[in-house]
Amino acid sequence: MKYILSLGSNIGNSFENLKKAISKLEEKSIFIDDCSSVYASTPVDYLTQADFLNMSLIAEAAYEPVQMLEKLKEIEHEMGRVKTIEKGPRNIDLDIIFWEKGSFESEDLTIPHKEAANRLFVIFPTLEIIDNSEYFRKEKAHFHFILETDQRRFFGQKIEKLYPFKIGEENFGWNEKN
């Protein structure tokens, strides 16, 4: 099954944290089909913390959503994430944004992610990778609609595309169309 995942970090070497998280995803049989460039973004909600590095991935795994969430939480734990402040600093944050089958809801998980449409650090990297995807067309249209009609929701948020992401010999992110 295909998923859109959002990754973020603002403690330690954030770039290395993103790379390590991607390696751990693959160790858990969560394979990366595409990944966005790396973006820098200002924090949202809890503002007195460092800026984040963020990116989005199209991932494929045999896991149902609850199993997928468990694998992401395992990776956060293995990487030493400790939640001390709600929406506060973190060395790694892994979120399920979309799932190829649309919506899903359980006690611990809601897909689409409840706050995705309010976060530029989710929208921009995600749009970068779903532009040519056969999946997630409805979600793409929704993100474009929000950006065109309701920009007030992003008041105070800043985001900057930094550089492409490279896995092995393959560059992800910037190409002729970006």
N, C-alpha and C. Protein backbone atom coordinates (compact mmCIF):
# COMPACT_ATOMS: atom_id res chain seq x y z
N MET A 1 0.83 -1.18 0.00
CA MET A 1 0.00 0.00 0.00
C MET A 1 0.87 1.24 0.00
N LYS A 2 0.37 2.28 -0.64
CA LYS A 2 1.11 3.53 -0.72
C LYS A 2 0.65 4.48 0.38
N TYR A 3 1.63 5.20 0.91
CA TYR A 3 1.40 6.20 1.94
C TYR A 3 2.19 7.45 1.59
N ILE A 4 1.70 8.59 2.05
CA ILE A 4 2.50 9.81 2.09
C ILE A 4 2.91 9.99 3.54
N LEU A 5 4.22 10.08 3.75
CA LEU A 5 4.75 10.30 5.10
C LEU A 5 5.41 11.67 5.14
N SER A 6 5.30 12.31 6.29
CA SER A 6 5.99 13.58 6.54
C SER A 6 7.04 13.33 7.61
N LEU A 7 8.24 13.84 7.36
CA LEU A 7 9.35 13.70 8.31
C LEU A 7 9.81 15.08 8.73
N GLY A 8 10.15 15.23 10.00
CA GLY A 8 10.66 16.51 10.48
C GLY A 8 11.64 16.30 11.62
N SER A 9 12.54 17.29 11.76
CA SER A 9 13.53 17.24 12.84
C SER A 9 14.01 18.66 13.14
N ASN A 10 14.21 18.96 14.43
CA ASN A 10 14.82 20.24 14.80
C ASN A 10 15.75 20.14 16.01
N ILE A 11 16.18 18.93 16.33
CA ILE A 11 17.16 18.72 17.40
C ILE A 11 18.34 17.94 16.81
N GLY A 12 19.54 18.35 17.17
CA GLY A 12 20.74 17.66 16.69
C GLY A 12 21.00 17.98 15.23
N ASN A 13 21.62 17.06 14.52
CA ASN A 13 21.87 17.22 13.10
C ASN A 13 20.62 16.75 12.36
N SER A 14 19.75 17.69 12.07
CA SER A 14 18.44 17.36 11.52
C SER A 14 18.54 16.62 10.19
N PHE A 15 19.47 17.01 9.35
CA PHE A 15 19.63 16.33 8.06
C PHE A 15 20.01 14.86 8.27
N GLU A 16 20.96 14.62 9.17
CA GLU A 16 21.35 13.24 9.46
C GLU A 16 20.20 12.47 10.09
N ASN A 17 19.39 13.14 10.90
CA ASN A 17 18.23 12.48 11.50
C ASN A 17 17.24 12.04 10.42
N LEU A 18 17.01 12.87 9.41
CA LEU A 18 16.12 12.51 8.31
C LEU A 18 16.68 11.30 7.56
N LYS A 19 17.97 11.33 7.27
CA LYS A 19 18.60 10.21 6.55
C LYS A 19 18.50 8.91 7.36
N LYS A 20 18.76 9.01 8.64
CA LYS A 20 18.69 7.82 9.50
C LYS A 20 17.27 7.26 9.54
N ALA A 21 16.28 8.14 9.61
CA ALA A 21 14.89 7.70 9.65
C ALA A 21 14.53 6.95 8.36
N ILE A 22 15.00 7.44 7.23
CA ILE A 22 14.72 6.78 5.96
C ILE A 22 15.37 5.40 5.92
N SER A 23 16.57 5.29 6.42
CA SER A 23 17.23 3.97 6.49
C SER A 23 16.44 3.02 7.37
N LYS A 24 15.96 3.52 8.47
CA LYS A 24 15.18 2.68 9.38
C LYS A 24 13.84 2.28 8.77
N LEU A 25 13.23 3.16 7.99
CA LEU A 25 12.00 2.79 7.29
C LEU A 25 12.25 1.58 6.40
N GLU A 26 13.31 1.64 5.64
CA GLU A 26 13.61 0.53 4.72
C GLU A 26 13.94 -0.75 5.49
N GLU A 27 14.60 -0.63 6.65
CA GLU A 27 14.87 -1.80 7.49
C GLU A 27 13.58 -2.48 7.94
N LYS A 28 12.52 -1.70 8.04
CA LYS A 28 11.23 -2.24 8.49
C LYS A 28 10.30 -2.54 7.31
N SER A 29 10.89 -2.72 6.13
CA SER A 29 10.14 -3.07 4.92
C SER A 29 9.13 -1.99 4.51
N ILE A 30 9.53 -0.76 4.73
CA ILE A 30 8.76 0.41 4.25
C ILE A 30 9.65 1.03 3.19
N PHE A 31 9.28 0.84 1.94
CA PHE A 31 10.15 1.20 0.84
C PHE A 31 9.79 2.56 0.26
N ILE A 32 10.79 3.33 -0.12
CA ILE A 32 10.61 4.70 -0.59
C ILE A 32 10.47 4.71 -2.11
N ASP A 33 9.32 5.17 -2.59
CA ASP A 33 9.10 5.32 -4.03
C ASP A 33 9.58 6.67 -4.54
N ASP A 34 9.41 7.69 -3.70
CA ASP A 34 9.83 9.04 -4.09
C ASP A 34 10.00 9.86 -2.82
N CYS A 35 10.85 10.85 -2.90
CA CYS A 35 11.00 11.73 -1.76
C CYS A 35 11.23 13.16 -2.23
N SER A 36 10.75 14.08 -1.44
CA SER A 36 10.82 15.49 -1.78
C SER A 36 12.21 16.04 -1.49
N SER A 37 12.38 17.27 -1.86
CA SER A 37 13.55 18.03 -1.41
C SER A 37 13.43 18.25 0.09
N VAL A 38 14.49 18.74 0.68
CA VAL A 38 14.49 19.09 2.10
C VAL A 38 14.09 20.56 2.21
N TYR A 39 13.20 20.85 3.13
CA TYR A 39 12.70 22.20 3.36
C TYR A 39 13.03 22.63 4.79
N ALA A 40 13.26 23.92 4.97
CA ALA A 40 13.38 24.50 6.31
C ALA A 40 12.06 25.21 6.59
N SER A 41 11.56 25.04 7.80
CA SER A 41 10.29 25.69 8.15
C SER A 41 10.32 26.19 9.59
N THR A 42 9.54 27.22 9.80
CA THR A 42 9.39 27.74 11.16
C THR A 42 8.45 26.82 11.93
N PRO A 43 8.61 26.76 13.25
CA PRO A 43 7.70 25.93 14.04
C PRO A 43 6.28 26.49 14.03
N VAL A 44 5.32 25.62 14.28
CA VAL A 44 3.91 25.98 14.35
C VAL A 44 3.40 25.56 15.72
N ASP A 45 2.52 26.32 16.28
CA ASP A 45 1.90 26.08 17.59
C ASP A 45 2.84 26.40 18.74
N TYR A 46 3.88 25.64 18.95
CA TYR A 46 4.87 25.94 20.00
C TYR A 46 6.03 26.66 19.32
N LEU A 47 6.06 27.99 19.44
CA LEU A 47 6.93 28.81 18.60
C LEU A 47 8.33 29.01 19.14
N THR A 48 8.57 28.77 20.43
CA THR A 48 9.89 29.04 21.01
C THR A 48 10.77 27.80 20.92
N GLN A 49 11.11 27.48 19.68
CA GLN A 49 12.01 26.37 19.40
C GLN A 49 12.69 26.63 18.07
N ALA A 50 13.70 25.84 17.76
CA ALA A 50 14.45 26.01 16.52
C ALA A 50 13.60 25.66 15.30
N ASP A 51 14.02 26.19 14.14
CA ASP A 51 13.37 25.83 12.89
C ASP A 51 13.56 24.34 12.62
N PHE A 52 12.70 23.80 11.76
CA PHE A 52 12.72 22.39 11.41
C PHE A 52 13.29 22.17 10.02
N LEU A 53 13.80 20.98 9.79
CA LEU A 53 14.00 20.46 8.44
C LEU A 53 12.87 19.46 8.23
N ASN A 54 12.24 19.55 7.05
CA ASN A 54 11.10 18.69 6.74
C ASN A 54 11.23 18.12 5.34
N MET A 55 10.57 17.01 5.14
CA MET A 55 10.45 16.42 3.81
C MET A 55 9.26 15.47 3.81
N SER A 56 8.82 15.10 2.62
CA SER A 56 7.74 14.13 2.46
C SER A 56 8.23 12.98 1.60
N LEU A 57 7.61 11.81 1.81
CA LEU A 57 7.96 10.61 1.07
C LEU A 57 6.70 9.94 0.54
N ILE A 58 6.80 9.31 -0.61
CA ILE A 58 5.82 8.31 -1.00
C ILE A 58 6.45 6.98 -0.62
N ALA A 59 5.79 6.28 0.28
CA ALA A 59 6.31 5.02 0.79
C ALA A 59 5.35 3.89 0.44
N GLU A 60 5.91 2.72 0.30
CA GLU A 60 5.09 1.54 0.02
C GLU A 60 5.41 0.47 1.05
N ALA A 61 4.36 -0.13 1.59
CA ALA A 61 4.52 -1.18 2.60
C ALA A 61 3.30 -2.08 2.58
N ALA A 62 3.45 -3.26 3.08
CA ALA A 62 2.34 -4.22 3.15
C ALA A 62 1.47 -3.97 4.39
N TYR A 63 1.81 -2.96 5.17
CA TYR A 63 1.13 -2.73 6.45
C TYR A 63 -0.18 -1.97 6.27
N GLU A 64 -1.16 -2.38 7.07
CA GLU A 64 -2.38 -1.60 7.22
C GLU A 64 -2.03 -0.36 8.06
N PRO A 65 -2.90 0.67 8.06
CA PRO A 65 -2.54 1.93 8.73
C PRO A 65 -2.11 1.82 10.19
N VAL A 66 -2.78 1.05 11.00
CA VAL A 66 -2.39 0.95 12.42
C VAL A 66 -1.02 0.30 12.55
N GLN A 67 -0.75 -0.73 11.75
CA GLN A 67 0.58 -1.36 11.75
C GLN A 67 1.64 -0.36 11.30
N MET A 68 1.31 0.43 10.28
CA MET A 68 2.25 1.42 9.77
C MET A 68 2.59 2.43 10.86
N LEU A 69 1.57 2.92 11.56
CA LEU A 69 1.80 3.85 12.66
C LEU A 69 2.70 3.22 13.72
N GLU A 70 2.47 1.95 14.04
CA GLU A 70 3.32 1.26 15.03
C GLU A 70 4.77 1.24 14.58
N LYS A 71 5.01 0.97 13.30
CA LYS A 71 6.38 0.95 12.77
C LYS A 71 7.02 2.34 12.87
N LEU A 72 6.26 3.38 12.57
CA LEU A 72 6.80 4.75 12.66
C LEU A 72 7.14 5.10 14.10
N LYS A 73 6.28 4.72 15.02
CA LYS A 73 6.54 4.99 16.44
C LYS A 73 7.76 4.20 16.93
N GLU A 74 7.93 2.98 16.44
CA GLU A 74 9.13 2.19 16.78
C GLU A 74 10.39 2.93 16.34
N ILE A 75 10.37 3.46 15.12
CA ILE A 75 11.53 4.19 14.61
C ILE A 75 11.81 5.42 15.46
N GLU A 76 10.77 6.19 15.78
CA GLU A 76 10.96 7.36 16.64
C GLU A 76 11.60 6.95 17.97
N HIS A 77 11.11 5.86 18.55
CA HIS A 77 11.64 5.37 19.82
C HIS A 77 13.10 4.92 19.66
N GLU A 78 13.38 4.15 18.60
CA GLU A 78 14.75 3.68 18.36
C GLU A 78 15.73 4.84 18.16
N MET A 79 15.23 5.94 17.61
CA MET A 79 16.08 7.11 17.38
C MET A 79 16.18 8.01 18.61
N GLY A 80 15.50 7.63 19.69
CA GLY A 80 15.63 8.36 20.94
C GLY A 80 14.68 9.53 21.11
N ARG A 81 13.59 9.53 20.37
CA ARG A 81 12.65 10.62 20.54
C ARG A 81 12.00 10.53 21.91
N VAL A 82 12.00 11.66 22.60
CA VAL A 82 11.33 11.79 23.89
C VAL A 82 10.40 12.99 23.79
N LYS A 83 9.13 12.75 24.06
CA LYS A 83 8.14 13.83 23.97
C LYS A 83 8.07 14.52 25.33
N THR A 84 8.64 15.72 25.41
CA THR A 84 8.62 16.47 26.66
C THR A 84 7.62 17.62 26.62
N ILE A 85 7.43 18.21 25.43
CA ILE A 85 6.51 19.33 25.25
C ILE A 85 5.65 19.02 24.03
N GLU A 86 4.34 19.09 24.21
CA GLU A 86 3.43 18.88 23.07
C GLU A 86 3.77 19.87 21.96
N LYS A 87 3.98 19.36 20.75
CA LYS A 87 4.36 20.16 19.56
C LYS A 87 5.73 20.81 19.72
N GLY A 88 6.51 20.29 20.67
CA GLY A 88 7.81 20.88 20.95
C GLY A 88 8.93 20.28 20.12
N PRO A 89 10.17 20.61 20.49
CA PRO A 89 11.34 20.15 19.75
C PRO A 89 11.41 18.62 19.71
N ARG A 90 11.97 18.11 18.61
CA ARG A 90 12.11 16.67 18.48
C ARG A 90 13.23 16.34 17.50
N ASN A 91 13.91 15.27 17.78
CA ASN A 91 14.98 14.84 16.86
C ASN A 91 14.39 14.19 15.62
N ILE A 92 13.21 13.60 15.75
CA ILE A 92 12.54 13.02 14.57
C ILE A 92 11.03 12.99 14.82
N ASP A 93 10.30 13.27 13.77
CA ASP A 93 8.85 13.18 13.80
C ASP A 93 8.43 12.52 12.50
N LEU A 94 7.69 11.44 12.61
CA LEU A 94 7.22 10.69 11.44
C LEU A 94 5.70 10.63 11.49
N ASP A 95 5.05 11.14 10.46
CA ASP A 95 3.59 11.17 10.43
C ASP A 95 3.06 10.58 9.14
N ILE A 96 1.94 9.88 9.25
CA ILE A 96 1.20 9.43 8.07
C ILE A 96 0.28 10.58 7.68
N ILE A 97 0.43 11.05 6.45
CA ILE A 97 -0.40 12.15 5.96
C ILE A 97 -1.58 11.60 5.15
N PHE A 98 -1.28 10.74 4.18
CA PHE A 98 -2.31 10.14 3.32
C PHE A 98 -2.04 8.66 3.16
N TRP A 99 -3.09 7.97 2.74
CA TRP A 99 -3.05 6.54 2.46
C TRP A 99 -3.77 6.34 1.15
N GLU A 100 -3.30 5.45 0.31
CA GLU A 100 -3.87 5.29 -1.03
C GLU A 100 -5.35 4.95 -1.01
N LYS A 101 -5.85 4.40 0.08
CA LYS A 101 -7.26 4.01 0.14
C LYS A 101 -8.15 5.11 0.72
N GLY A 102 -7.58 6.32 0.91
CA GLY A 102 -8.40 7.44 1.35
C GLY A 102 -8.38 7.66 2.84
N SER A 103 -9.55 7.56 3.48
CA SER A 103 -9.67 7.88 4.91
C SER A 103 -9.51 6.63 5.76
N PHE A 104 -9.08 6.91 6.99
CA PHE A 104 -8.98 5.86 8.01
C PHE A 104 -9.09 6.55 9.35
N GLU A 105 -9.79 5.89 10.27
CA GLU A 105 -9.88 6.46 11.62
C GLU A 105 -9.87 5.35 12.66
N SER A 106 -9.04 5.56 13.68
CA SER A 106 -9.01 4.68 14.85
C SER A 106 -8.77 5.58 16.05
N GLU A 107 -8.64 4.98 17.21
CA GLU A 107 -8.42 5.76 18.43
C GLU A 107 -7.13 6.58 18.35
N ASP A 108 -6.09 6.02 17.72
CA ASP A 108 -4.77 6.67 17.71
C ASP A 108 -4.37 7.27 16.36
N LEU A 109 -5.20 7.11 15.34
CA LEU A 109 -4.78 7.52 14.01
C LEU A 109 -5.95 8.04 13.18
N THR A 110 -5.72 9.16 12.54
CA THR A 110 -6.69 9.70 11.58
C THR A 110 -5.95 9.99 10.29
N ILE A 111 -6.45 9.43 9.20
CA ILE A 111 -5.92 9.70 7.86
C ILE A 111 -7.09 10.21 7.02
N PRO A 112 -6.95 11.33 6.34
CA PRO A 112 -5.79 12.20 6.27
C PRO A 112 -5.45 12.81 7.63
N HIS A 113 -4.17 13.12 7.80
CA HIS A 113 -3.69 13.74 9.03
C HIS A 113 -4.52 14.99 9.31
N LYS A 114 -4.97 15.14 10.55
CA LYS A 114 -5.88 16.24 10.92
C LYS A 114 -5.33 17.63 10.61
N GLU A 115 -4.03 17.83 10.73
CA GLU A 115 -3.45 19.16 10.57
C GLU A 115 -2.71 19.37 9.25
N ALA A 116 -2.69 18.37 8.39
CA ALA A 116 -1.90 18.46 7.15
C ALA A 116 -2.25 19.70 6.32
N ALA A 117 -3.51 19.99 6.19
CA ALA A 117 -3.94 21.11 5.35
C ALA A 117 -3.65 22.48 5.98
N ASN A 118 -3.15 22.48 7.20
CA ASN A 118 -2.82 23.73 7.89
C ASN A 118 -1.32 23.95 8.00
N ARG A 119 -0.53 23.08 7.41
CA ARG A 119 0.92 23.11 7.59
C ARG A 119 1.63 23.22 6.26
N LEU A 120 2.27 24.37 6.03
CA LEU A 120 3.04 24.53 4.80
C LEU A 120 4.16 23.51 4.71
N PHE A 121 4.74 23.12 5.85
CA PHE A 121 5.83 22.16 5.83
C PHE A 121 5.38 20.75 5.43
N VAL A 122 4.08 20.53 5.38
CA VAL A 122 3.52 19.29 4.83
C VAL A 122 3.11 19.51 3.38
N ILE A 123 2.43 20.62 3.13
CA ILE A 123 1.85 20.86 1.81
C ILE A 123 2.91 20.96 0.70
N PHE A 124 3.91 21.80 0.88
CA PHE A 124 4.89 22.01 -0.19
C PHE A 124 5.69 20.75 -0.53
N PRO A 125 6.30 20.08 0.45
CA PRO A 125 7.02 18.84 0.09
C PRO A 125 6.11 17.77 -0.52
N THR A 126 4.88 17.69 -0.01
CA THR A 126 3.96 16.67 -0.52
C THR A 126 3.56 16.97 -1.95
N LEU A 127 3.24 18.22 -2.24
CA LEU A 127 2.90 18.57 -3.62
C LEU A 127 4.05 18.28 -4.58
N GLU A 128 5.26 18.47 -4.11
CA GLU A 128 6.42 18.21 -4.95
C GLU A 128 6.46 16.76 -5.43
N ILE A 129 6.07 15.83 -4.59
CA ILE A 129 6.19 14.42 -4.96
C ILE A 129 4.91 13.80 -5.52
N ILE A 130 3.75 14.39 -5.26
CA ILE A 130 2.53 13.78 -5.80
C ILE A 130 2.10 14.40 -7.12
N ASP A 131 2.85 15.37 -7.59
CA ASP A 131 2.50 16.04 -8.83
C ASP A 131 2.29 15.07 -9.99
N ASN A 132 3.15 14.09 -10.13
CA ASN A 132 3.05 13.13 -11.23
C ASN A 132 2.62 11.74 -10.79
N SER A 133 2.15 11.62 -9.58
CA SER A 133 1.77 10.31 -9.05
C SER A 133 0.37 9.93 -9.53
N GLU A 134 0.18 8.65 -9.80
CA GLU A 134 -1.15 8.18 -10.16
C GLU A 134 -2.05 8.08 -8.93
N TYR A 135 -1.45 8.15 -7.77
CA TYR A 135 -2.19 8.11 -6.51
C TYR A 135 -2.33 9.55 -5.99
N PHE A 136 -3.21 9.73 -5.05
CA PHE A 136 -3.33 10.97 -4.29
C PHE A 136 -3.76 12.17 -5.15
N ARG A 137 -4.52 11.96 -6.20
CA ARG A 137 -4.98 13.08 -7.04
C ARG A 137 -5.97 13.98 -6.31
N LYS A 138 -6.89 13.37 -5.57
CA LYS A 138 -7.87 14.15 -4.81
C LYS A 138 -7.16 15.01 -3.76
N GLU A 139 -6.17 14.45 -3.10
CA GLU A 139 -5.43 15.16 -2.07
C GLU A 139 -4.64 16.32 -2.68
N LYS A 140 -4.06 16.09 -3.83
CA LYS A 140 -3.33 17.14 -4.55
C LYS A 140 -4.27 18.30 -4.88
N ALA A 141 -5.42 17.99 -5.41
CA ALA A 141 -6.39 19.04 -5.76
C ALA A 141 -6.82 19.81 -4.52
N HIS A 142 -6.99 19.11 -3.41
CA HIS A 142 -7.39 19.77 -2.16
C HIS A 142 -6.30 20.73 -1.68
N PHE A 143 -5.05 20.30 -1.70
CA PHE A 143 -3.95 21.17 -1.29
C PHE A 143 -3.87 22.41 -2.19
N HIS A 144 -4.00 22.23 -3.49
CA HIS A 144 -3.97 23.38 -4.40
C HIS A 144 -5.13 24.33 -4.12
N PHE A 145 -6.30 23.79 -3.87
CA PHE A 145 -7.47 24.61 -3.58
C PHE A 145 -7.23 25.46 -2.33
N ILE A 146 -6.70 24.85 -1.29
CA ILE A 146 -6.43 25.57 -0.04
C ILE A 146 -5.42 26.69 -0.28
N LEU A 147 -4.35 26.38 -0.99
CA LEU A 147 -3.32 27.40 -1.25
C LEU A 147 -3.89 28.58 -2.04
N GLU A 148 -4.84 28.31 -2.92
CA GLU A 148 -5.41 29.36 -3.75
C GLU A 148 -6.52 30.15 -3.06
N THR A 149 -7.20 29.55 -2.09
CA THR A 149 -8.40 30.19 -1.55
C THR A 149 -8.34 30.56 -0.07
N ASP A 150 -7.43 29.99 0.68
CA ASP A 150 -7.47 30.20 2.13
C ASP A 150 -6.07 30.36 2.72
N GLN A 151 -5.35 31.34 2.24
CA GLN A 151 -3.97 31.54 2.68
C GLN A 151 -3.86 32.07 4.11
N ARG A 152 -4.94 32.60 4.65
CA ARG A 152 -4.89 33.13 6.02
C ARG A 152 -4.52 32.07 7.04
N ARG A 153 -4.86 30.83 6.77
CA ARG A 153 -4.56 29.76 7.73
C ARG A 153 -3.07 29.56 7.94
N PHE A 154 -2.26 30.10 7.02
CA PHE A 154 -0.81 29.92 7.10
C PHE A 154 -0.09 31.13 7.70
N PHE A 155 -0.85 32.04 8.30
CA PHE A 155 -0.26 33.26 8.86
C PHE A 155 0.89 32.92 9.80
N GLY A 156 2.03 33.55 9.55
CA GLY A 156 3.21 33.37 10.40
C GLY A 156 4.11 32.20 10.01
N GLN A 157 3.63 31.33 9.13
CA GLN A 157 4.45 30.19 8.73
C GLN A 157 5.41 30.59 7.61
N LYS A 158 6.62 30.11 7.70
CA LYS A 158 7.61 30.34 6.65
C LYS A 158 8.21 29.00 6.26
N ILE A 159 8.48 28.87 4.97
CA ILE A 159 9.08 27.63 4.48
C ILE A 159 10.02 27.98 3.34
N GLU A 160 11.13 27.25 3.28
CA GLU A 160 12.12 27.48 2.23
C GLU A 160 12.65 26.14 1.74
N LYS A 161 12.62 25.96 0.42
CA LYS A 161 13.19 24.76 -0.18
C LYS A 161 14.70 24.89 -0.15
N LEU A 162 15.38 23.92 0.48
CA LEU A 162 16.82 24.01 0.67
C LEU A 162 17.60 23.28 -0.41
N TYR A 163 17.43 21.97 -0.50
CA TYR A 163 18.23 21.19 -1.43
C TYR A 163 17.56 19.84 -1.68
N PRO A 164 17.93 19.21 -2.80
CA PRO A 164 17.37 17.88 -3.09
C PRO A 164 17.92 16.86 -2.11
N PHE A 165 17.24 15.76 -2.03
CA PHE A 165 17.65 14.66 -1.16
C PHE A 165 18.16 13.55 -2.03
N LYS A 166 19.24 12.91 -1.62
CA LYS A 166 19.87 11.85 -2.41
C LYS A 166 19.88 10.55 -1.63
N ILE A 167 19.41 9.48 -2.28
CA ILE A 167 19.49 8.14 -1.71
C ILE A 167 20.33 7.33 -2.69
N GLY A 168 21.47 6.86 -2.23
CA GLY A 168 22.38 6.15 -3.13
C GLY A 168 22.81 7.06 -4.25
N GLU A 169 22.65 6.63 -5.47
CA GLU A 169 23.03 7.44 -6.63
C GLU A 169 21.85 8.23 -7.19
N GLU A 170 20.67 8.07 -6.59
CA GLU A 170 19.48 8.71 -7.13
C GLU A 170 19.19 10.01 -6.38
N ASN A 171 19.07 11.10 -7.14
CA ASN A 171 18.68 12.38 -6.57
C ASN A 171 17.17 12.49 -6.55
N PHE A 172 16.64 12.89 -5.43
CA PHE A 172 15.22 13.18 -5.32
C PHE A 172 15.08 14.67 -5.07
N GLY A 173 14.01 15.23 -5.52
CA GLY A 173 13.80 16.66 -5.27
C GLY A 173 13.91 17.46 -6.54
N TRP A 174 14.95 18.24 -6.67
CA TRP A 174 15.04 19.16 -7.79
C TRP A 174 15.25 18.43 -9.10
N ASN A 175 14.51 18.90 -10.09
CA ASN A 175 14.70 18.43 -11.45
C ASN A 175 14.31 19.55 -12.39
N GLU A 176 14.18 19.25 -13.66
CA GLU A 176 13.95 20.30 -14.65
C GLU A 176 12.68 21.12 -14.37
N LYS A 177 11.65 20.48 -13.84
CA LYS A 177 10.38 21.19 -13.63
C LYS A 177 10.35 22.02 -12.37
N ASN A 178 11.30 21.84 -11.46
CA ASN A 178 11.25 22.57 -10.19
C ASN A 178 12.02 23.84 -10.31
